Amino acid sequence: MALSTEQISKFEKDGYLLVEDFLSADDCDQLMSACHDLVTDMKPEEHNTVFTTLEMKRTSDDYFMTSGDKIRFFFEDGAKDKEGNLIVDKHKSLNKIGHALHVLNPAFRKVTFDNKVKEIAKSLKLEDPVICQSMYIFKQPGIGGEVLPHQDATFLNTTPMKLYGLWIALEDATLENGCLWFMPGSHKGVYVGFLCKPLDGLNGGRQMIRNPDTSEGQPLTVFTAPPVKYDDSKFIPVPVKKGSMVVIHGEVVHKSEHNKSNKSREIYTFHLFDQKNTTYSKQNWLQPTAEVPFTPLYPTNPA
């Protein structure tokens, strides 16, 4: 599963790369079954955080901020009433599950640390990559929300930028059910009437950070700049078949549309960064813990 020279060149040019048939249909079904079991066992009354994709806002509470070393459940807006009672089938109520599936669930751990993932990381010349988070995203039929254009490095920032996302389609991702859209080459600079970022950096300086104002009633995270308005005509859709993977550069601009179809678009995704000569921002919402430190992708040699 090592990337070819042509694939690496395309990734460097576009900022993303489609890798077809990364997982078999059986592998995808096993992950979906593992997720189904998690949802079946989940007690909705114990999980009260809503994830709203349209404005890229998360309920800023301890449930979200302390989810980096746990498996937690984030509901679609409107899945619960004002009293917190679930008003839809719980298997159709979730926006995502995160953020430590890659450590705490055997099925997701197996895929995340598979040799195929290691070969891709080596192809990208990552010397000491660590997995920092993982998510199962549902994109529910009819209600799966739009995700506005963004860079992953806005939320998980490193200096220099060495963040990558691996996005695996567990079902066909189509134009109708909310496939990814990319602005090719936007990791190298974006023009929105002007160059809104240097050749290496965040568009408009926009980063989500821990709120320095810790007084009562303040949100736990804030953005350092308003959203950048992009030209929709510059985006191209990337529909993918079940089992395919998209490798995503941390600074490429991408989005997905509302799922208006009657079919879900379930995916598994995780982020890794090369910690070799890299500083992971202490302002990022996600921080390693003693229970779940950022896990090395490559085997470590015993002392």
Protein backbone atom coordinates (compact mmCIF):
# COMPACT_ATOMS: atom_id res chain seq x y z
CA MET A 1 0.00 0.00 0.00
CA ALA A 2 3.00 2.30 -0.36
CA LEU A 3 2.16 5.31 -2.50
CA SER A 4 3.67 5.53 -5.97
CA THR A 5 5.79 8.46 -7.13
CA GLU A 6 2.84 9.63 -9.22
CA GLN A 7 0.48 9.49 -6.23
CA ILE A 8 2.89 11.44 -4.03
CA SER A 9 3.30 14.10 -6.72
CA LYS A 10 -0.48 14.41 -7.06
CA PHE A 11 -0.88 14.72 -3.29
CA GLU A 12 1.80 17.41 -3.12
CA LYS A 13 0.12 19.29 -5.97
CA ASP A 14 -3.51 19.04 -4.85
CA GLY A 15 -3.28 18.63 -1.07
CA TYR A 16 -5.40 15.49 -1.09
CA LEU A 17 -5.24 12.03 -2.63
CA LEU A 18 -7.84 9.35 -3.30
CA VAL A 19 -6.55 5.85 -2.52
CA GLU A 20 -9.05 3.36 -3.87
CA ASP A 21 -9.82 -0.03 -2.27
CA PHE A 22 -7.91 0.72 0.92
CA LEU A 23 -10.27 -1.49 2.92
CA SER A 24 -12.26 -4.48 1.75
CA ALA A 25 -16.05 -4.47 1.94
CA ASP A 26 -15.79 -6.93 4.84
CA ASP A 27 -13.39 -4.60 6.70
CA CYS A 28 -15.87 -1.74 6.28
CA ASP A 29 -18.76 -3.86 7.46
CA GLN A 30 -16.79 -4.88 10.56
CA LEU A 31 -16.22 -1.24 11.51
CA MET A 32 -19.86 -0.40 10.93
CA SER A 33 -20.88 -3.37 13.07
CA ALA A 34 -18.50 -2.28 15.84
CA CYS A 35 -20.01 1.21 15.72
CA HIS A 36 -23.55 -0.20 15.78
CA ASP A 37 -22.67 -2.09 18.95
CA LEU A 38 -21.32 1.08 20.56
CA VAL A 39 -24.53 2.97 19.78
CA THR A 40 -26.70 0.08 20.95
CA ASP A 41 -24.95 0.12 24.33
CA MET A 42 -24.96 3.93 24.59
CA LYS A 43 -27.35 5.51 27.11
CA PRO A 44 -28.49 8.82 25.54
CA GLU A 45 -29.25 10.47 28.88
CA GLU A 46 -25.56 10.23 29.81
CA HIS A 47 -24.40 12.14 26.72
CA ASN A 48 -25.73 15.66 26.32
CA THR A 49 -23.40 17.31 23.84
CA VAL A 50 -24.68 18.45 20.43
CA PHE A 51 -22.33 18.92 17.48
CA THR A 52 -23.48 21.58 15.01
CA THR A 53 -21.59 21.35 11.75
CA LEU A 54 -23.07 24.33 9.92
CA GLU A 55 -21.20 26.90 11.98
CA MET A 56 -18.41 24.53 13.04
CA LYS A 57 -19.48 25.02 16.65
CA ARG A 58 -19.24 22.42 19.36
CA THR A 59 -21.01 22.73 22.65
CA SER A 60 -18.12 24.11 24.67
CA ASP A 61 -18.32 22.02 27.77
CA ASP A 62 -16.19 19.56 29.65
CA TYR A 63 -17.81 16.64 27.85
CA PHE A 64 -16.24 17.75 24.58
CA MET A 65 -13.00 19.13 25.97
CA THR A 66 -12.23 15.93 27.86
CA SER A 67 -13.19 13.54 25.06
CA GLY A 68 -9.67 13.07 23.69
CA ASP A 69 -9.04 9.95 25.76
CA LYS A 70 -12.59 8.57 25.67
CA ILE A 71 -15.29 7.30 23.35
CA ARG A 72 -18.03 9.91 23.42
CA PHE A 73 -21.21 10.52 21.51
CA PHE A 74 -22.22 13.80 19.85
CA PHE A 75 -25.80 14.29 18.72
CA GLU A 76 -27.24 16.05 15.71
CA ASP A 77 -28.91 19.35 16.46
CA GLY A 78 -32.61 18.60 17.02
CA ALA A 79 -32.11 14.99 18.10
CA LYS A 80 -33.17 15.87 21.67
CA ASP A 81 -35.89 18.05 23.14
CA LYS A 82 -35.29 20.91 25.57
CA GLU A 83 -35.29 18.49 28.48
CA GLY A 84 -32.57 16.42 26.90
CA ASN A 85 -34.82 13.52 25.91
CA LEU A 86 -34.08 11.76 22.65
CA ILE A 87 -36.86 12.35 20.12
CA VAL A 88 -35.50 10.22 17.23
CA ASP A 89 -34.19 6.66 16.92
CA LYS A 90 -30.81 6.72 18.66
CA HIS A 91 -29.18 4.97 15.69
CA LYS A 92 -30.26 7.97 13.58
CA SER A 93 -29.51 10.64 16.19
CA LEU A 94 -25.73 10.96 16.18
CA ASN A 95 -23.48 13.32 14.29
CA LYS A 96 -20.27 11.59 15.33
CA ILE A 97 -18.42 9.49 17.89
CA GLY A 98 -14.96 10.57 19.09
CA HIS A 99 -12.14 10.90 19.89
CA ALA A 100 -10.20 7.83 21.09
CA LEU A 101 -11.74 5.02 19.05
CA HIS A 102 -8.26 4.24 17.72
CA VAL A 103 -7.09 3.31 21.23
CA LEU A 104 -10.14 2.07 23.09
CA ASN A 105 -11.99 -0.03 20.51
CA PRO A 106 -10.25 -3.13 19.09
CA ALA A 107 -11.86 -2.95 15.63
CA PHE A 108 -10.86 0.67 15.07
CA ARG A 109 -7.43 0.17 16.64
CA LYS A 110 -6.73 -2.68 14.21
CA VAL A 111 -7.48 -0.54 11.16
CA THR A 112 -5.71 2.57 12.45
CA PHE A 113 -2.42 0.79 13.13
CA ASP A 114 -2.55 -1.54 10.14
CA ASN A 115 0.64 -1.92 8.11
CA LYS A 116 -1.12 -0.26 5.15
CA VAL A 117 -1.44 2.95 7.19
CA LYS A 118 2.21 2.73 8.17
CA GLU A 119 3.24 2.35 4.52
CA ILE A 120 1.29 5.45 3.54
CA ALA A 121 2.91 7.42 6.38
CA LYS A 122 6.35 6.26 5.27
CA SER A 123 5.52 7.26 1.69
CA LEU A 124 4.83 10.77 2.99
CA LYS A 125 8.23 10.69 4.73
CA LEU A 126 6.74 10.93 8.22
CA GLU A 127 9.55 10.01 10.62
CA ASP A 128 7.75 9.79 13.97
CA PRO A 129 4.00 10.00 13.36
CA VAL A 130 1.53 9.83 16.24
CA ILE A 131 -2.24 9.40 16.12
CA CYS A 132 -3.91 12.24 17.98
CA GLN A 133 -7.63 11.64 17.43
CA SER A 134 -10.20 9.52 15.64
CA MET A 135 -13.87 9.96 14.73
CA TYR A 136 -16.77 8.02 13.30
CA ILE A 137 -18.96 10.43 11.33
CA PHE A 138 -22.49 9.40 10.36
CA LYS A 139 -23.83 12.04 7.93
CA GLN A 140 -27.33 10.81 8.69
CA PRO A 141 -29.89 10.45 5.85
CA GLY A 142 -31.83 13.65 5.26
CA ILE A 143 -30.38 15.48 8.27
CA GLY A 144 -26.60 15.07 8.01
CA GLY A 145 -25.46 18.67 8.15
CA GLU A 146 -23.26 20.75 5.88
CA VAL A 147 -19.65 21.18 6.95
CA LEU A 148 -18.39 24.60 5.89
CA PRO A 149 -15.01 25.06 4.14
CA HIS A 150 -12.16 24.69 6.60
CA GLN A 151 -8.61 23.51 7.16
CA ASP A 152 -8.02 20.71 9.65
CA ALA A 153 -5.00 22.60 10.98
CA THR A 154 -7.40 25.26 12.27
CA PHE A 155 -8.34 22.77 14.99
CA LEU A 156 -5.12 20.74 15.36
CA ASN A 157 -2.23 23.08 14.77
CA THR A 158 1.44 22.15 14.61
CA THR A 159 4.60 24.13 13.90
CA PRO A 160 5.71 23.44 11.24
CA MET A 161 2.53 22.05 9.67
CA LYS A 162 2.82 18.27 9.73
CA LEU A 163 -0.82 17.29 10.22
CA TYR A 164 -2.59 14.76 7.99
CA GLY A 165 -6.05 13.26 7.97
CA LEU A 166 -6.93 9.78 6.73
CA TRP A 167 -10.62 9.60 5.78
CA ILE A 168 -12.09 6.16 5.01
CA ALA A 169 -15.48 5.71 3.33
CA LEU A 170 -17.39 2.83 4.94
CA GLU A 171 -20.21 3.40 2.44
CA ASP A 172 -20.22 5.01 -1.00
CA ALA A 173 -19.81 8.78 -0.60
CA THR A 174 -21.72 10.48 -3.42
CA LEU A 175 -22.81 13.92 -4.54
CA GLU A 176 -26.24 13.15 -3.10
CA ASN A 177 -25.22 11.98 0.38
CA GLY A 178 -22.45 14.47 1.12
CA CYS A 179 -19.09 13.50 -0.33
CA LEU A 180 -16.03 15.65 0.28
CA TRP A 181 -15.28 18.72 -1.87
CA PHE A 182 -11.76 20.14 -2.14
CA MET A 183 -10.10 23.31 -3.34
CA PRO A 184 -7.10 21.73 -5.10
CA GLY A 185 -3.76 23.29 -4.25
CA SER A 186 -5.22 25.42 -1.46
CA HIS A 187 -2.62 24.10 0.99
CA LYS A 188 -0.14 26.26 -0.92
CA GLY A 189 -2.12 29.50 -0.78
CA VAL A 190 -5.66 30.70 -1.48
CA TYR A 191 -6.81 33.77 -3.36
CA VAL A 192 -10.05 35.36 -2.16
CA GLY A 193 -9.44 38.68 -3.81
CA PHE A 194 -6.02 38.53 -2.19
CA LEU A 195 -3.65 35.86 -0.96
CA CYS A 196 -5.21 35.10 2.41
CA LYS A 197 -2.40 32.97 3.74
CA PRO A 198 1.34 32.59 3.24
CA LEU A 199 2.67 29.48 1.54
CA ASP A 200 2.62 27.75 4.92
CA GLY A 201 -0.02 28.80 7.40
CA LEU A 202 -3.68 29.20 8.29
CA ASN A 203 -6.06 31.09 6.03
CA GLY A 204 -6.82 34.45 7.57
CA GLY A 205 -4.90 33.37 10.68
CA ARG A 206 -8.00 31.45 11.81
CA GLN A 207 -7.31 28.95 14.60
CA MET A 208 -9.57 27.43 17.23
CA ILE A 209 -7.83 27.76 20.59
CA ARG A 210 -8.54 27.27 24.28
CA ASN A 211 -10.14 30.45 25.52
CA PRO A 212 -7.63 32.48 27.55
CA ASP A 213 -10.61 34.02 29.35
CA THR A 214 -11.46 31.30 31.86
CA SER A 215 -14.00 33.34 33.79
CA GLU A 216 -17.40 31.83 34.52
CA GLY A 217 -19.80 31.73 31.61
CA GLN A 218 -17.16 32.04 28.90
CA PRO A 219 -16.88 29.44 26.13
CA LEU A 220 -13.98 27.04 26.51
CA THR A 221 -12.80 27.55 22.93
CA VAL A 222 -12.67 30.61 20.67
CA PHE A 223 -11.51 31.38 17.14
CA THR A 224 -8.68 33.82 16.57
CA ALA A 225 -10.23 35.22 13.37
CA PRO A 226 -13.54 35.13 11.48
CA PRO A 227 -14.21 32.49 8.80
CA VAL A 228 -12.67 33.04 5.39
CA LYS A 229 -15.18 33.33 2.55
CA TYR A 230 -14.16 31.11 -0.33
CA ASP A 231 -15.18 31.03 -3.98
CA ASP A 232 -17.51 28.02 -4.30
CA SER A 233 -16.59 27.65 -7.97
CA LYS A 234 -13.05 26.63 -6.97
CA PHE A 235 -14.20 23.46 -5.20
CA ILE A 236 -14.43 20.09 -6.91
CA PRO A 237 -16.34 17.06 -5.58
CA VAL A 238 -14.55 13.83 -4.72
CA PRO A 239 -17.10 11.01 -4.65
CA VAL A 240 -15.55 7.75 -3.46
CA LYS A 241 -16.51 4.12 -3.30
CA LYS A 242 -16.89 2.08 -0.13
CA GLY A 243 -13.46 1.10 1.21
CA SER A 244 -11.58 3.98 -0.41
CA MET A 245 -9.42 6.38 1.57
CA VAL A 246 -8.74 10.08 1.09
CA VAL A 247 -5.43 11.40 2.43
CA ILE A 248 -5.90 15.03 3.48
CA HIS A 249 -3.15 17.63 3.98
CA GLY A 250 -3.77 19.63 7.16
CA GLU A 251 -3.97 22.93 5.28
CA VAL A 252 -6.01 22.02 2.21
CA VAL A 253 -9.47 23.64 2.20
CA HIS A 254 -12.35 21.18 2.05
CA LYS A 255 -16.03 20.89 2.89
CA SER A 256 -19.06 18.63 2.54
CA GLU A 257 -22.66 19.38 1.67
CA HIS A 258 -25.89 18.56 3.46
CA ASN A 259 -27.00 14.95 3.04
CA LYS A 260 -30.36 15.35 1.32
CA SER A 261 -30.58 11.71 0.29
CA ASN A 262 -32.18 8.72 2.00
CA LYS A 263 -28.79 7.04 2.37
CA SER A 264 -26.22 7.55 5.13
CA ARG A 265 -22.57 8.37 4.45
CA GLU A 266 -20.72 6.74 7.31
CA ILE A 267 -16.95 7.18 7.48
CA TYR A 268 -14.04 6.58 9.84
CA THR A 269 -11.35 9.21 10.02
CA PHE A 270 -8.28 9.87 12.13
CA HIS A 271 -5.53 12.47 12.30
CA LEU A 272 -1.82 12.03 12.73
CA PHE A 273 1.13 14.37 12.79
CA ASP A 274 4.87 13.88 12.56
CA GLN A 275 6.23 14.87 15.96
CA LYS A 276 9.83 14.82 14.70
CA ASN A 277 11.10 18.41 15.13
CA THR A 278 7.49 19.57 15.51
CA THR A 279 5.68 21.59 18.16
CA TYR A 280 2.08 20.64 18.85
CA SER A 281 0.22 23.77 19.96
CA LYS A 282 -0.66 23.89 23.65
CA GLN A 283 -3.57 26.11 22.57
CA ASN A 284 -5.25 23.26 20.67
CA TRP A 285 -8.45 22.00 22.28
CA LEU A 286 -7.13 18.44 22.09
CA GLN A 287 -4.24 17.62 24.39
CA PRO A 288 -2.64 14.27 25.24
CA THR A 289 -3.40 12.75 28.63
CA ALA A 290 -1.69 10.25 30.88
CA GLU A 291 -4.46 7.76 30.09
CA VAL A 292 -4.23 8.19 26.31
CA PRO A 293 -1.04 9.90 25.13
CA PHE A 294 -0.69 10.50 21.42
CA THR A 295 0.06 7.00 20.19
CA PRO A 296 3.08 6.32 17.93
CA LEU A 297 2.12 4.76 14.60
CA TYR A 298 5.40 2.93 14.18
CA PRO A 299 6.60 0.29 16.66
CA THR A 300 8.94 1.68 19.29
CA ASN A 301 12.16 -0.05 20.23
CA PRO A 302 12.36 -1.29 23.85
CA ALA A 303 14.82 0.54 26.06
